[in-house]
Amino acid sequence: MAAFAQDGGDADLVAQKKAMRSAIKEAFAGLSAEDIAEQSARAVSRVLAIEEVQSARGVCAYLSMPKELQTGQLLEGLFGSRYTEGATMDDVEADADLRLVCVPKVTGRDRHDMCMVPVLGGTAEIDGFPKNKWKIPEPAVSSGPTACIKPESHPGLTLRAHP
């Protein structure tokens, strides 16, 4: 995979992101479903072991496509600890022992037109989401307890092919 520079302007950053996406897409093309499942399970174990994730009061996770790091186990782990079905953002703010789990919703055509929607019903709610044009489950957006929120950071994960 190519190396990507840390400096440069916005145009340079856009070009670097495009090159990285192409490199990742190419690498994924060579991975079997078993490779993806195995590496996803290892990545999920590592993510769930991170102290900041364990103590976080809110966690955002994407819903994966088949040729991406699979996030189903991650979501199950997040729902299994400090998550109370039906708990709203207000509940989480009032009780430090609760965690809010959010998933993305595309809200427009621009690449920045996205927000995170709290999942109040665990995996059963996600299983009921309609699928978008990429066949990814995606929540509806409303006002009230499931209104969109903007995340503060955007970490990323990827897999690699083993030689």
C-alpha atoms as a PDB file:
ATOM      1  CA  MET A   1       0.000   0.000   0.000  1.00  0.00           C
ATOM      2  CA  ALA A   2       1.265   3.480  -0.778  1.00  0.00           C
ATOM      3  CA  ALA A   3       2.558   5.879   1.864  1.00  0.00           C
ATOM      4  CA  PHE A   4       0.579   9.045   2.450  1.00  0.00           C
ATOM      5  CA  ALA A   5       2.085  12.390   3.398  1.00  0.00           C
ATOM      6  CA  GLN A   6       1.041  14.209   6.551  1.00  0.00           C
ATOM      7  CA  ASP A   7       1.420  17.748   5.184  1.00  0.00           C
ATOM      8  CA  GLY A   8      -0.077  19.680   2.276  1.00  0.00           C
ATOM      9  CA  GLY A   9      -3.206  21.675   1.561  1.00  0.00           C
ATOM     10  CA  ASP A  10      -6.821  20.581   1.227  1.00  0.00           C
ATOM     11  CA  ALA A  11      -6.408  19.639  -2.445  1.00  0.00           C
ATOM     12  CA  ASP A  12      -3.426  17.477  -1.510  1.00  0.00           C
ATOM     13  CA  LEU A  13      -5.423  15.841   1.264  1.00  0.00           C
ATOM     14  CA  VAL A  14      -8.318  15.097  -1.092  1.00  0.00           C
ATOM     15  CA  ALA A  15      -5.902  13.498  -3.562  1.00  0.00           C
ATOM     16  CA  GLN A  16      -4.301  11.451  -0.767  1.00  0.00           C
ATOM     17  CA  LYS A  17      -7.698  10.231   0.466  1.00  0.00           C
ATOM     18  CA  LYS A  18      -8.680   9.238  -3.073  1.00  0.00           C
ATOM     19  CA  ALA A  19      -5.408   7.340  -3.522  1.00  0.00           C
ATOM     20  CA  MET A  20      -5.838   5.621  -0.154  1.00  0.00           C
ATOM     21  CA  ARG A  21      -9.405   4.566  -0.970  1.00  0.00           C
ATOM     22  CA  SER A  22      -8.203   3.117  -4.286  1.00  0.00           C
ATOM     23  CA  ALA A  23      -5.381   1.243  -2.543  1.00  0.00           C
ATOM     24  CA  ILE A  24      -7.773  -0.128   0.096  1.00  0.00           C
ATOM     25  CA  LYS A  25     -10.309  -1.170  -2.551  1.00  0.00           C
ATOM     26  CA  GLU A  26      -7.568  -2.984  -4.459  1.00  0.00           C
ATOM     27  CA  ALA A  27      -6.336  -4.718  -1.299  1.00  0.00           C
ATOM     28  CA  PHE A  28      -9.865  -5.799  -0.356  1.00  0.00           C
ATOM     29  CA  ALA A  29     -10.427  -7.313  -3.784  1.00  0.00           C
ATOM     30  CA  GLY A  30      -7.806  -9.921  -2.862  1.00  0.00           C
ATOM     31  CA  LEU A  31      -9.365 -10.851   0.484  1.00  0.00           C
ATOM     32  CA  SER A  32     -11.692 -13.795   0.906  1.00  0.00           C
ATOM     33  CA  ALA A  33     -14.821 -13.607   3.068  1.00  0.00           C
ATOM     34  CA  GLU A  34     -12.959 -15.783   5.612  1.00  0.00           C
ATOM     35  CA  ASP A  35     -10.014 -13.332   5.693  1.00  0.00           C
ATOM     36  CA  ILE A  36     -12.381 -10.421   6.252  1.00  0.00           C
ATOM     37  CA  ALA A  37     -14.266 -12.267   9.006  1.00  0.00           C
ATOM     38  CA  GLU A  38     -11.046 -13.296  10.782  1.00  0.00           C
ATOM     39  CA  GLN A  39      -9.461  -9.855  10.611  1.00  0.00           C
ATOM     40  CA  SER A  40     -12.723  -8.186  11.591  1.00  0.00           C
ATOM     41  CA  ALA A  41     -12.985 -10.365  14.704  1.00  0.00           C
ATOM     42  CA  ARG A  42      -9.402  -9.475  15.696  1.00  0.00           C
ATOM     43  CA  ALA A  43      -9.992  -5.766  15.086  1.00  0.00           C
ATOM     44  CA  VAL A  44     -13.253  -5.810  17.074  1.00  0.00           C
ATOM     45  CA  SER A  45     -11.513  -7.503  20.017  1.00  0.00           C
ATOM     46  CA  ARG A  46      -8.827  -4.820  19.972  1.00  0.00           C
ATOM     47  CA  VAL A  47     -11.308  -1.947  19.688  1.00  0.00           C
ATOM     48  CA  LEU A  48     -13.499  -3.250  22.507  1.00  0.00           C
ATOM     49  CA  ALA A  49     -10.385  -3.589  24.718  1.00  0.00           C
ATOM     50  CA  ILE A  50      -9.452   0.094  24.335  1.00  0.00           C
ATOM     51  CA  GLU A  51     -10.010   1.917  27.627  1.00  0.00           C
ATOM     52  CA  GLU A  52     -11.469   4.972  25.888  1.00  0.00           C
ATOM     53  CA  VAL A  53     -14.040   2.806  24.115  1.00  0.00           C
ATOM     54  CA  GLN A  54     -14.920   0.990  27.336  1.00  0.00           C
ATOM     55  CA  SER A  55     -15.417   4.257  29.221  1.00  0.00           C
ATOM     56  CA  ALA A  56     -17.004   6.246  26.386  1.00  0.00           C
ATOM     57  CA  ARG A  57     -20.490   7.565  27.007  1.00  0.00           C
ATOM     58  CA  GLY A  58     -21.166   7.653  23.271  1.00  0.00           C
ATOM     59  CA  VAL A  59     -19.725   5.510  20.468  1.00  0.00           C
ATOM     60  CA  CYS A  60     -20.363   5.840  16.733  1.00  0.00           C
ATOM     61  CA  ALA A  61     -19.894   2.846  14.430  1.00  0.00           C
ATOM     62  CA  TYR A  62     -20.610   2.391  10.750  1.00  0.00           C
ATOM     63  CA  LEU A  63     -22.762  -0.407   9.377  1.00  0.00           C
ATOM     64  CA  SER A  64     -20.540  -2.399   7.049  1.00  0.00           C
ATOM     65  CA  MET A  65     -20.746  -3.561   3.463  1.00  0.00           C
ATOM     66  CA  PRO A  66     -19.526  -7.106   2.632  1.00  0.00           C
ATOM     67  CA  LYS A  67     -16.018  -6.042   1.535  1.00  0.00           C
ATOM     68  CA  GLU A  68     -15.360  -3.870   4.601  1.00  0.00           C
ATOM     69  CA  LEU A  69     -14.302  -4.535   8.146  1.00  0.00           C
ATOM     70  CA  GLN A  70     -17.437  -6.169   9.559  1.00  0.00           C
ATOM     71  CA  THR A  71     -18.904  -4.169  12.436  1.00  0.00           C
ATOM     72  CA  GLY A  72     -21.698  -6.512  13.551  1.00  0.00           C
ATOM     73  CA  GLN A  73     -19.617  -7.997  16.384  1.00  0.00           C
ATOM     74  CA  LEU A  74     -18.468  -4.521  17.402  1.00  0.00           C
ATOM     75  CA  LEU A  75     -22.056  -3.348  17.699  1.00  0.00           C
ATOM     76  CA  GLU A  76     -23.007  -6.482  19.652  1.00  0.00           C
ATOM     77  CA  GLY A  77     -20.120  -5.786  22.048  1.00  0.00           C
ATOM     78  CA  LEU A  78     -21.154  -2.153  22.422  1.00  0.00           C
ATOM     79  CA  PHE A  79     -24.780  -3.126  23.037  1.00  0.00           C
ATOM     80  CA  GLY A  80     -23.660  -5.758  25.566  1.00  0.00           C
ATOM     81  CA  SER A  81     -21.928  -3.351  27.928  1.00  0.00           C
ATOM     82  CA  ARG A  82     -23.317  -0.185  29.541  1.00  0.00           C
ATOM     83  CA  TYR A  83     -26.116   0.001  26.959  1.00  0.00           C
ATOM     84  CA  THR A  84     -29.746   0.154  28.016  1.00  0.00           C
ATOM     85  CA  GLU A  85     -32.314  -0.316  25.285  1.00  0.00           C
ATOM     86  CA  GLY A  86     -34.443   2.790  24.959  1.00  0.00           C
ATOM     87  CA  ALA A  87     -31.973   5.076  26.777  1.00  0.00           C
ATOM     88  CA  THR A  88     -31.921   8.520  25.177  1.00  0.00           C
ATOM     89  CA  MET A  89     -29.157  11.127  24.993  1.00  0.00           C
ATOM     90  CA  ASP A  90     -30.716  12.808  28.039  1.00  0.00           C
ATOM     91  CA  ASP A  91     -30.553   9.514  29.971  1.00  0.00           C
ATOM     92  CA  VAL A  92     -26.886   9.049  29.056  1.00  0.00           C
ATOM     93  CA  GLU A  93     -26.054  12.614  30.093  1.00  0.00           C
ATOM     94  CA  ALA A  94     -27.724  12.005  33.470  1.00  0.00           C
ATOM     95  CA  ASP A  95     -26.172   8.558  34.131  1.00  0.00           C
ATOM     96  CA  ALA A  96     -22.428   8.013  33.604  1.00  0.00           C
ATOM     97  CA  ASP A  97     -22.974   4.231  33.655  1.00  0.00           C
ATOM     98  CA  LEU A  98     -24.920   4.351  30.369  1.00  0.00           C
ATOM     99  CA  ARG A  99     -23.569   4.452  26.834  1.00  0.00           C
ATOM    100  CA  LEU A 100     -25.203   5.741  23.660  1.00  0.00           C
ATOM    101  CA  VAL A 101     -24.444   3.879  20.410  1.00  0.00           C
ATOM    102  CA  CYS A 102     -24.934   5.753  17.125  1.00  0.00           C
ATOM    103  CA  VAL A 103     -24.801   4.781  13.450  1.00  0.00           C
ATOM    104  CA  PRO A 104     -24.463   6.997  10.351  1.00  0.00           C
ATOM    105  CA  LYS A 105     -27.221   8.412   8.195  1.00  0.00           C
ATOM    106  CA  VAL A 106     -26.512  10.027   4.818  1.00  0.00           C
ATOM    107  CA  THR A 107     -28.541  13.232   4.675  1.00  0.00           C
ATOM    108  CA  GLY A 108     -27.629  14.683   1.284  1.00  0.00           C
ATOM    109  CA  ARG A 109     -25.418  14.405  -1.786  1.00  0.00           C
ATOM    110  CA  ASP A 110     -22.244  16.040  -0.480  1.00  0.00           C
ATOM    111  CA  ARG A 111     -19.634  13.838   1.186  1.00  0.00           C
ATOM    112  CA  HIS A 112     -20.110  15.826   4.394  1.00  0.00           C
ATOM    113  CA  ASP A 113     -23.880  15.328   4.412  1.00  0.00           C
ATOM    114  CA  MET A 114     -23.918  12.751   7.168  1.00  0.00           C
ATOM    115  CA  CYS A 115     -24.889  12.619  10.795  1.00  0.00           C
ATOM    116  CA  MET A 116     -25.012   9.984  13.506  1.00  0.00           C
ATOM    117  CA  VAL A 117     -28.333   8.629  14.741  1.00  0.00           C
ATOM    118  CA  PRO A 118     -28.670   7.041  18.201  1.00  0.00           C
ATOM    119  CA  VAL A 119     -29.757   3.398  18.172  1.00  0.00           C
ATOM    120  CA  LEU A 120     -32.300   2.992  20.944  1.00  0.00           C
ATOM    121  CA  GLY A 121     -33.352  -0.600  20.203  1.00  0.00           C
ATOM    122  CA  GLY A 122     -30.074  -2.518  19.872  1.00  0.00           C
ATOM    123  CA  THR A 123     -29.398  -4.997  17.085  1.00  0.00           C
ATOM    124  CA  ALA A 124     -33.128  -5.628  16.582  1.00  0.00           C
ATOM    125  CA  GLU A 125     -33.557  -1.976  15.596  1.00  0.00           C
ATOM    126  CA  ILE A 126     -30.625  -2.136  13.166  1.00  0.00           C
ATOM    127  CA  ASP A 127     -32.016  -5.334  11.625  1.00  0.00           C
ATOM    128  CA  GLY A 128     -35.210  -3.403  10.859  1.00  0.00           C
ATOM    129  CA  PHE A 129     -33.504  -0.465   9.106  1.00  0.00           C
ATOM    130  CA  PRO A 130     -34.264  -0.130   5.386  1.00  0.00           C
ATOM    131  CA  LYS A 131     -31.251  -0.607   3.113  1.00  0.00           C
ATOM    132  CA  ASN A 132     -29.834   2.312   1.142  1.00  0.00           C
ATOM    133  CA  LYS A 133     -28.556   2.252  -2.451  1.00  0.00           C
ATOM    134  CA  TRP A 134     -25.330   0.535  -1.280  1.00  0.00           C
ATOM    135  CA  LYS A 135     -27.406  -2.170   0.475  1.00  0.00           C
ATOM    136  CA  ILE A 136     -26.343  -0.857   3.899  1.00  0.00           C
ATOM    137  CA  PRO A 137     -28.980  -0.677   6.636  1.00  0.00           C
ATOM    138  CA  GLU A 138     -29.640   2.985   7.376  1.00  0.00           C
ATOM    139  CA  PRO A 139     -31.825   4.584  10.035  1.00  0.00           C
ATOM    140  CA  ALA A 140     -34.599   7.034   9.382  1.00  0.00           C
ATOM    141  CA  VAL A 141     -34.074  10.503  10.826  1.00  0.00           C
ATOM    142  CA  SER A 142     -36.612  12.239  12.978  1.00  0.00           C
ATOM    143  CA  SER A 143     -36.686  14.924  15.596  1.00  0.00           C
ATOM    144  CA  GLY A 144     -36.674  14.087  19.257  1.00  0.00           C
ATOM    145  CA  PRO A 145     -34.588  11.326  20.873  1.00  0.00           C
ATOM    146  CA  THR A 146     -33.334   9.918  17.545  1.00  0.00           C
ATOM    147  CA  ALA A 147     -32.347  13.239  15.953  1.00  0.00           C
ATOM    148  CA  CYS A 148     -29.042  13.423  14.085  1.00  0.00           C
ATOM    149  CA  ILE A 149     -25.909  14.424  15.955  1.00  0.00           C
ATOM    150  CA  LYS A 150     -22.526  15.362  14.502  1.00  0.00           C
ATOM    151  CA  PRO A 151     -19.572  13.260  15.732  1.00  0.00           C
ATOM    152  CA  GLU A 152     -16.485  14.964  17.165  1.00  0.00           C
ATOM    153  CA  SER A 153     -13.906  12.631  15.589  1.00  0.00           C
ATOM    154  CA  HIS A 154     -13.741  10.239  12.645  1.00  0.00           C
ATOM    155  CA  PRO A 155     -11.288   7.387  13.306  1.00  0.00           C
ATOM    156  CA  GLY A 156     -10.912   4.758  10.610  1.00  0.00           C
ATOM    157  CA  LEU A 157     -10.135   1.060  10.401  1.00  0.00           C
ATOM    158  CA  THR A 158      -9.032  -1.090   7.509  1.00  0.00           C
ATOM    159  CA  LEU A 159      -7.800  -4.621   6.861  1.00  0.00           C
ATOM    160  CA  ARG A 160      -4.766  -5.830   4.987  1.00  0.00           C
ATOM    161  CA  ALA A 161      -3.955  -8.829   2.845  1.00  0.00           C
ATOM    162  CA  HIS A 162      -1.444 -11.250   4.352  1.00  0.00           C
ATOM    163  CA  PRO A 163       1.429 -12.198   2.025  1.00  0.00           C
END
